Amino acid sequence: MTLEKFVHGLQKRHGEELLMAIKDLRHDPFLSGSAIAGKFGLTRERVRQICDVIYGKGFLSYRKRELYSKKQLFLLCQKWKESKDLKNQAYALVIERLQKMGLEPVLHGKVKLRLLQIKNNKLIKFKISTKVTRLNRHTYYVVRVSAPSVKKAHILIVVLYIQEKFYFFIFPRKIFAQKSYLCIDATNPQSIYKPYLNKWDILFGSNVKIYNFINCFNKQ
């Protein structure tokens, strides 16, 4: 039986609503196979079989592991948004931005590492600097990038907090891979690194057209 015939049979027996629920199962971290089974009078085994046919064998087991991280991140994000800590606030803003861009971020490793994995398998490291350091009569935001969690990342998102406003810099690996620190001029933070300010399309790599579409859509 082809997938098209299988789906058509489900639609005929259970209606369009079941197909929509199965579709939502891929993205909604608070929807479960058990909930679908109960709502439509199916067994959990039958829901598993349906998902195996549509998405591939073992889908629900894989999804359970993946969405646990998504659910955990969602709950943490809500908590961080209400926090008085600037690092938590900025981290929540970054996560929400990634979610709106359709990159489906999940935690990678321990929460305190501030490492996220997005759906193209790239690792993103988050750093924030709120204090300046004086070097050679100049003031800089000094961002340490020598930690192992930074070196394993493909992309580094650095957030500066200047005059009660967040500035987001998105750096590709080539900028920080061989360095121990990034020094950003506090008097003119956009000087050397201006090309990377709000450079969110870097996250999409070669698929810049997708970013342009999503960005246009989100502005509507």
C-alpha atoms as a PDB file:
ATOM      1  CA  MET A   1       0.000   0.000   0.000  1.00  0.00           C
ATOM      2  CA  THR A   2       1.321   3.440  -0.903  1.00  0.00           C
ATOM      3  CA  LEU A   3       1.598   6.190   1.680  1.00  0.00           C
ATOM      4  CA  GLU A   4      -1.032   8.184  -0.207  1.00  0.00           C
ATOM      5  CA  LYS A   5      -3.550   5.322   0.005  1.00  0.00           C
ATOM      6  CA  PHE A   6      -2.713   4.756   3.678  1.00  0.00           C
ATOM      7  CA  VAL A   7      -3.318   8.414   4.532  1.00  0.00           C
ATOM      8  CA  HIS A   8      -6.514   8.478   2.475  1.00  0.00           C
ATOM      9  CA  GLY A   9      -7.761   5.416   4.397  1.00  0.00           C
ATOM     10  CA  LEU A  10      -7.051   7.096   7.740  1.00  0.00           C
ATOM     11  CA  GLN A  11      -8.855  10.218   6.621  1.00  0.00           C
ATOM     12  CA  LYS A  12     -11.872   8.202   5.535  1.00  0.00           C
ATOM     13  CA  ARG A  13     -12.080   6.209   8.791  1.00  0.00           C
ATOM     14  CA  HIS A  14     -11.138   8.872  11.349  1.00  0.00           C
ATOM     15  CA  GLY A  15     -11.529  12.217   9.599  1.00  0.00           C
ATOM     16  CA  GLU A  16      -9.199  15.125   8.840  1.00  0.00           C
ATOM     17  CA  GLU A  17      -8.786  15.969  12.528  1.00  0.00           C
ATOM     18  CA  LEU A  18      -6.708  12.845  13.212  1.00  0.00           C
ATOM     19  CA  LEU A  19      -4.339  13.660  10.361  1.00  0.00           C
ATOM     20  CA  MET A  20      -3.917  17.196  11.703  1.00  0.00           C
ATOM     21  CA  ALA A  21      -3.144  15.788  15.167  1.00  0.00           C
ATOM     22  CA  ILE A  22      -0.529  13.425  13.714  1.00  0.00           C
ATOM     23  CA  LYS A  23       0.966  16.371  11.836  1.00  0.00           C
ATOM     24  CA  ASP A  24       1.039  18.520  15.011  1.00  0.00           C
ATOM     25  CA  LEU A  25       2.783  15.670  16.817  1.00  0.00           C
ATOM     26  CA  ARG A  26       6.004  16.591  15.033  1.00  0.00           C
ATOM     27  CA  HIS A  27       6.198  20.103  16.475  1.00  0.00           C
ATOM     28  CA  ASP A  28       4.047  20.407  19.591  1.00  0.00           C
ATOM     29  CA  PRO A  29       6.140  19.406  22.637  1.00  0.00           C
ATOM     30  CA  PHE A  30       3.017  19.128  24.806  1.00  0.00           C
ATOM     31  CA  LEU A  31       1.116  16.753  22.509  1.00  0.00           C
ATOM     32  CA  SER A  32       1.622  13.011  22.997  1.00  0.00           C
ATOM     33  CA  GLY A  33       0.752   9.814  21.192  1.00  0.00           C
ATOM     34  CA  SER A  34      -1.246   8.762  24.243  1.00  0.00           C
ATOM     35  CA  ALA A  35      -3.332  11.945  24.084  1.00  0.00           C
ATOM     36  CA  ILE A  36      -4.119  11.312  20.421  1.00  0.00           C
ATOM     37  CA  ALA A  37      -5.015   7.700  21.154  1.00  0.00           C
ATOM     38  CA  GLY A  38      -7.434   8.735  23.904  1.00  0.00           C
ATOM     39  CA  LYS A  39      -9.060  11.481  21.866  1.00  0.00           C
ATOM     40  CA  PHE A  40      -9.764   9.329  18.806  1.00  0.00           C
ATOM     41  CA  GLY A  41     -10.487   6.041  20.558  1.00  0.00           C
ATOM     42  CA  LEU A  42      -7.322   4.331  19.329  1.00  0.00           C
ATOM     43  CA  THR A  43      -4.756   2.285  21.172  1.00  0.00           C
ATOM     44  CA  ARG A  44      -1.278   3.739  21.726  1.00  0.00           C
ATOM     45  CA  GLU A  45       0.078   0.847  19.660  1.00  0.00           C
ATOM     46  CA  ARG A  46      -2.134   1.873  16.734  1.00  0.00           C
ATOM     47  CA  VAL A  47      -0.908   5.464  16.944  1.00  0.00           C
ATOM     48  CA  ARG A  48       2.665   4.166  16.992  1.00  0.00           C
ATOM     49  CA  GLN A  49       1.988   2.089  13.864  1.00  0.00           C
ATOM     50  CA  ILE A  50       0.475   5.080  12.074  1.00  0.00           C
ATOM     51  CA  CYS A  51       3.479   7.234  12.925  1.00  0.00           C
ATOM     52  CA  ASP A  52       5.874   4.481  11.830  1.00  0.00           C
ATOM     53  CA  VAL A  53       4.206   4.386   8.402  1.00  0.00           C
ATOM     54  CA  ILE A  54       4.043   8.161   7.934  1.00  0.00           C
ATOM     55  CA  TYR A  55       7.316   9.271   9.544  1.00  0.00           C
ATOM     56  CA  GLY A  56       9.423   6.140   9.661  1.00  0.00           C
ATOM     57  CA  LYS A  57       9.951   3.340  12.154  1.00  0.00           C
ATOM     58  CA  GLY A  58      10.796   4.414  15.694  1.00  0.00           C
ATOM     59  CA  PHE A  59       9.465   7.960  15.223  1.00  0.00           C
ATOM     60  CA  LEU A  60       7.692   8.200  18.592  1.00  0.00           C
ATOM     61  CA  SER A  61      10.714   6.939  20.541  1.00  0.00           C
ATOM     62  CA  TYR A  62      12.996   9.433  18.793  1.00  0.00           C
ATOM     63  CA  ARG A  63      10.454  12.219  19.226  1.00  0.00           C
ATOM     64  CA  LYS A  64      10.128  11.530  22.942  1.00  0.00           C
ATOM     65  CA  ARG A  65      13.847  12.095  23.433  1.00  0.00           C
ATOM     66  CA  GLU A  66      13.992  15.155  21.183  1.00  0.00           C
ATOM     67  CA  LEU A  67      10.861  16.864  22.464  1.00  0.00           C
ATOM     68  CA  TYR A  68      11.829  16.319  26.095  1.00  0.00           C
ATOM     69  CA  SER A  69      14.642  18.744  25.355  1.00  0.00           C
ATOM     70  CA  LYS A  70      12.274  21.105  23.507  1.00  0.00           C
ATOM     71  CA  LYS A  71       9.779  21.048  26.366  1.00  0.00           C
ATOM     72  CA  GLN A  72      12.524  21.591  28.904  1.00  0.00           C
ATOM     73  CA  LEU A  73      13.867  24.504  26.873  1.00  0.00           C
ATOM     74  CA  PHE A  74      10.382  26.011  26.496  1.00  0.00           C
ATOM     75  CA  LEU A  75       9.778  25.947  30.253  1.00  0.00           C
ATOM     76  CA  LEU A  76      13.240  27.332  30.997  1.00  0.00           C
ATOM     77  CA  CYS A  77      12.726  30.084  28.445  1.00  0.00           C
ATOM     78  CA  GLN A  78       9.484  31.189  30.130  1.00  0.00           C
ATOM     79  CA  LYS A  79      11.324  31.292  33.449  1.00  0.00           C
ATOM     80  CA  TRP A  80      14.288  33.224  32.027  1.00  0.00           C
ATOM     81  CA  LYS A  81      12.046  35.852  30.450  1.00  0.00           C
ATOM     82  CA  GLU A  82      10.764  36.771  33.931  1.00  0.00           C
ATOM     83  CA  SER A  83      14.249  36.753  35.457  1.00  0.00           C
ATOM     84  CA  LYS A  84      16.006  39.904  36.618  1.00  0.00           C
ATOM     85  CA  ASP A  85      19.291  38.446  35.397  1.00  0.00           C
ATOM     86  CA  LEU A  86      20.331  40.061  32.093  1.00  0.00           C
ATOM     87  CA  LYS A  87      22.026  36.900  30.855  1.00  0.00           C
ATOM     88  CA  ASN A  88      18.835  34.892  31.264  1.00  0.00           C
ATOM     89  CA  GLN A  89      16.729  37.594  29.607  1.00  0.00           C
ATOM     90  CA  ALA A  90      19.038  37.802  26.606  1.00  0.00           C
ATOM     91  CA  TYR A  91      19.272  34.012  26.298  1.00  0.00           C
ATOM     92  CA  ALA A  92      15.465  33.783  26.247  1.00  0.00           C
ATOM     93  CA  LEU A  93      15.335  36.402  23.480  1.00  0.00           C
ATOM     94  CA  VAL A  94      17.851  34.438  21.405  1.00  0.00           C
ATOM     95  CA  ILE A  95      15.937  31.181  21.854  1.00  0.00           C
ATOM     96  CA  GLU A  96      12.646  32.813  20.880  1.00  0.00           C
ATOM     97  CA  ARG A  97      14.288  34.323  17.799  1.00  0.00           C
ATOM     98  CA  LEU A  98      15.606  30.910  16.725  1.00  0.00           C
ATOM     99  CA  GLN A  99      12.163  29.381  17.251  1.00  0.00           C
ATOM    100  CA  LYS A 100      10.469  32.074  15.143  1.00  0.00           C
ATOM    101  CA  MET A 101      13.025  31.418  12.409  1.00  0.00           C
ATOM    102  CA  GLY A 102      11.973  27.769  12.366  1.00  0.00           C
ATOM    103  CA  LEU A 103      15.392  26.488  13.511  1.00  0.00           C
ATOM    104  CA  GLU A 104      13.916  24.354  16.320  1.00  0.00           C
ATOM    105  CA  PRO A 105      16.669  24.858  18.941  1.00  0.00           C
ATOM    106  CA  VAL A 106      17.247  22.153  21.548  1.00  0.00           C
ATOM    107  CA  LEU A 107      19.605  22.027  24.490  1.00  0.00           C
ATOM    108  CA  HIS A 108      22.985  20.434  23.816  1.00  0.00           C
ATOM    109  CA  GLY A 109      24.618  19.149  26.969  1.00  0.00           C
ATOM    110  CA  LYS A 110      24.086  20.743  30.371  1.00  0.00           C
ATOM    111  CA  VAL A 111      21.895  23.836  30.659  1.00  0.00           C
ATOM    112  CA  LYS A 112      24.721  25.909  32.143  1.00  0.00           C
ATOM    113  CA  LEU A 113      26.851  25.445  28.991  1.00  0.00           C
ATOM    114  CA  ARG A 114      24.441  27.661  27.020  1.00  0.00           C
ATOM    115  CA  LEU A 115      24.866  25.459  23.946  1.00  0.00           C
ATOM    116  CA  LEU A 116      22.011  24.990  21.498  1.00  0.00           C
ATOM    117  CA  GLN A 117      21.660  22.661  18.547  1.00  0.00           C
ATOM    118  CA  ILE A 118      19.492  23.766  15.630  1.00  0.00           C
ATOM    119  CA  LYS A 119      17.862  21.568  13.009  1.00  0.00           C
ATOM    120  CA  ASN A 120      20.706  21.833  10.478  1.00  0.00           C
ATOM    121  CA  ASN A 121      22.847  20.209  13.234  1.00  0.00           C
ATOM    122  CA  LYS A 122      24.876  23.348  13.851  1.00  0.00           C
ATOM    123  CA  LEU A 123      25.886  24.113  17.427  1.00  0.00           C
ATOM    124  CA  ILE A 124      25.360  27.633  18.738  1.00  0.00           C
ATOM    125  CA  LYS A 125      27.141  29.043  21.765  1.00  0.00           C
ATOM    126  CA  PHE A 126      25.635  31.973  23.663  1.00  0.00           C
ATOM    127  CA  LYS A 127      27.734  34.619  25.444  1.00  0.00           C
ATOM    128  CA  ILE A 128      26.842  37.985  26.942  1.00  0.00           C
ATOM    129  CA  SER A 129      28.971  40.894  28.111  1.00  0.00           C
ATOM    130  CA  THR A 130      27.580  43.698  30.247  1.00  0.00           C
ATOM    131  CA  LYS A 131      30.775  45.184  31.696  1.00  0.00           C
ATOM    132  CA  VAL A 132      33.657  47.036  30.067  1.00  0.00           C
ATOM    133  CA  THR A 133      37.398  46.635  30.608  1.00  0.00           C
ATOM    134  CA  ARG A 134      40.006  49.362  30.129  1.00  0.00           C
ATOM    135  CA  LEU A 135      42.982  48.415  27.929  1.00  0.00           C
ATOM    136  CA  ASN A 136      45.591  50.870  26.636  1.00  0.00           C
ATOM    137  CA  ARG A 137      43.410  53.911  27.334  1.00  0.00           C
ATOM    138  CA  HIS A 138      40.461  52.333  25.536  1.00  0.00           C
ATOM    139  CA  THR A 139      37.426  50.599  26.941  1.00  0.00           C
ATOM    140  CA  TYR A 140      36.296  47.250  25.543  1.00  0.00           C
ATOM    141  CA  TYR A 141      33.745  44.558  26.022  1.00  0.00           C
ATOM    142  CA  VAL A 142      35.989  41.525  26.436  1.00  0.00           C
ATOM    143  CA  VAL A 143      34.403  38.198  25.519  1.00  0.00           C
ATOM    144  CA  ARG A 144      36.352  35.061  26.419  1.00  0.00           C
ATOM    145  CA  VAL A 145      36.131  32.478  23.631  1.00  0.00           C
ATOM    146  CA  SER A 146      38.739  29.930  24.722  1.00  0.00           C
ATOM    147  CA  ALA A 147      36.411  27.597  26.643  1.00  0.00           C
ATOM    148  CA  PRO A 148      35.850  24.091  25.167  1.00  0.00           C
ATOM    149  CA  SER A 149      32.117  24.753  24.845  1.00  0.00           C
ATOM    150  CA  VAL A 150      32.914  27.720  22.583  1.00  0.00           C
ATOM    151  CA  LYS A 151      35.462  25.872  20.466  1.00  0.00           C
ATOM    152  CA  LYS A 152      33.032  23.046  19.656  1.00  0.00           C
ATOM    153  CA  ALA A 153      30.404  25.521  18.399  1.00  0.00           C
ATOM    154  CA  HIS A 154      29.850  26.367  14.736  1.00  0.00           C
ATOM    155  CA  ILE A 155      28.354  29.767  15.542  1.00  0.00           C
ATOM    156  CA  LEU A 156      28.838  32.171  18.441  1.00  0.00           C
ATOM    157  CA  ILE A 157      26.110  34.617  19.439  1.00  0.00           C
ATOM    158  CA  VAL A 158      27.498  37.453  21.533  1.00  0.00           C
ATOM    159  CA  VAL A 159      25.096  39.831  23.245  1.00  0.00           C
ATOM    160  CA  LEU A 160      26.197  43.235  24.514  1.00  0.00           C
ATOM    161  CA  TYR A 161      24.091  45.245  26.930  1.00  0.00           C
ATOM    162  CA  ILE A 162      24.595  48.947  26.244  1.00  0.00           C
ATOM    163  CA  GLN A 163      22.450  51.712  27.724  1.00  0.00           C
ATOM    164  CA  GLU A 164      19.618  49.325  28.588  1.00  0.00           C
ATOM    165  CA  LYS A 165      19.535  47.791  25.116  1.00  0.00           C
ATOM    166  CA  PHE A 166      20.676  44.391  23.797  1.00  0.00           C
ATOM    167  CA  TYR A 167      22.913  44.162  20.723  1.00  0.00           C
ATOM    168  CA  PHE A 168      23.208  40.780  18.990  1.00  0.00           C
ATOM    169  CA  PHE A 169      26.345  39.754  17.102  1.00  0.00           C
ATOM    170  CA  ILE A 170      26.331  36.464  15.194  1.00  0.00           C
ATOM    171  CA  PHE A 171      29.846  35.208  14.477  1.00  0.00           C
ATOM    172  CA  PRO A 172      30.776  32.309  12.193  1.00  0.00           C
ATOM    173  CA  ARG A 173      33.436  29.916  13.423  1.00  0.00           C
ATOM    174  CA  LYS A 174      36.245  31.544  11.415  1.00  0.00           C
ATOM    175  CA  ILE A 175      36.004  34.674  13.593  1.00  0.00           C
ATOM    176  CA  PHE A 176      36.550  33.022  16.983  1.00  0.00           C
ATOM    177  CA  ALA A 177      38.112  29.597  16.320  1.00  0.00           C
ATOM    178  CA  GLN A 178      41.731  30.741  16.660  1.00  0.00           C
ATOM    179  CA  LYS A 179      41.213  33.379  19.339  1.00  0.00           C
ATOM    180  CA  SER A 180      41.070  33.425  23.118  1.00  0.00           C
ATOM    181  CA  TYR A 181      39.180  36.711  23.389  1.00  0.00           C
ATOM    182  CA  LEU A 182      37.044  39.012  21.283  1.00  0.00           C
ATOM    183  CA  CYS A 183      37.552  42.669  22.198  1.00  0.00           C
ATOM    184  CA  ILE A 184      34.722  44.921  21.108  1.00  0.00           C
ATOM    185  CA  ASP A 185      35.235  48.676  21.352  1.00  0.00           C
ATOM    186  CA  ALA A 186      32.854  49.999  24.008  1.00  0.00           C
ATOM    187  CA  THR A 187      32.771  53.502  22.506  1.00  0.00           C
ATOM    188  CA  ASN A 188      31.894  52.159  19.074  1.00  0.00           C
ATOM    189  CA  PRO A 189      30.832  48.490  19.347  1.00  0.00           C
ATOM    190  CA  GLN A 190      29.877  48.358  15.678  1.00  0.00           C
ATOM    191  CA  SER A 191      33.334  49.347  14.366  1.00  0.00           C
ATOM    192  CA  ILE A 192      35.242  46.139  13.512  1.00  0.00           C
ATOM    193  CA  TYR A 193      32.389  43.711  13.984  1.00  0.00           C
ATOM    194  CA  LYS A 194      29.582  45.740  12.399  1.00  0.00           C
ATOM    195  CA  PRO A 195      29.121  43.162   9.556  1.00  0.00           C
ATOM    196  CA  TYR A 196      28.047  40.624  12.196  1.00  0.00           C
ATOM    197  CA  LEU A 197      25.494  42.777  14.008  1.00  0.00           C
ATOM    198  CA  ASN A 198      22.083  41.090  13.631  1.00  0.00           C
ATOM    199  CA  LYS A 199      23.580  38.790  10.987  1.00  0.00           C
ATOM    200  CA  TRP A 200      20.977  36.079  11.659  1.00  0.00           C
ATOM    201  CA  ASP A 201      21.166  34.701   8.110  1.00  0.00           C
ATOM    202  CA  ILE A 202      24.534  33.124   9.052  1.00  0.00           C
ATOM    203  CA  LEU A 203      22.529  30.501  10.930  1.00  0.00           C
ATOM    204  CA  PHE A 204      21.085  29.239   7.651  1.00  0.00           C
ATOM    205  CA  GLY A 205      24.423  28.749   5.907  1.00  0.00           C
ATOM    206  CA  SER A 206      23.829  28.416   2.174  1.00  0.00           C
ATOM    207  CA  ASN A 207      20.021  28.455   2.596  1.00  0.00           C
ATOM    208  CA  VAL A 208      19.825  32.253   2.812  1.00  0.00           C
ATOM    209  CA  LYS A 209      16.660  32.303   0.679  1.00  0.00           C
ATOM    210  CA  ILE A 210      14.820  30.461   3.474  1.00  0.00           C
ATOM    211  CA  TYR A 211      15.915  33.122   5.964  1.00  0.00           C
ATOM    212  CA  ASN A 212      14.797  35.931   3.653  1.00  0.00           C
ATOM    213  CA  PHE A 213      11.385  34.290   3.280  1.00  0.00           C
ATOM    214  CA  ILE A 214      10.930  33.750   7.038  1.00  0.00           C
ATOM    215  CA  ASN A 215      12.162  37.248   7.847  1.00  0.00           C
ATOM    216  CA  CYS A 216       9.709  38.756   5.378  1.00  0.00           C
ATOM    217  CA  PHE A 217       6.886  36.599   6.764  1.00  0.00           C
ATOM    218  CA  ASN A 218       7.618  37.553  10.391  1.00  0.00           C
ATOM    219  CA  LYS A 219       7.463  41.262   9.543  1.00  0.00           C
ATOM    220  CA  GLN A 220       3.920  40.997   8.209  1.00  0.00           C
END
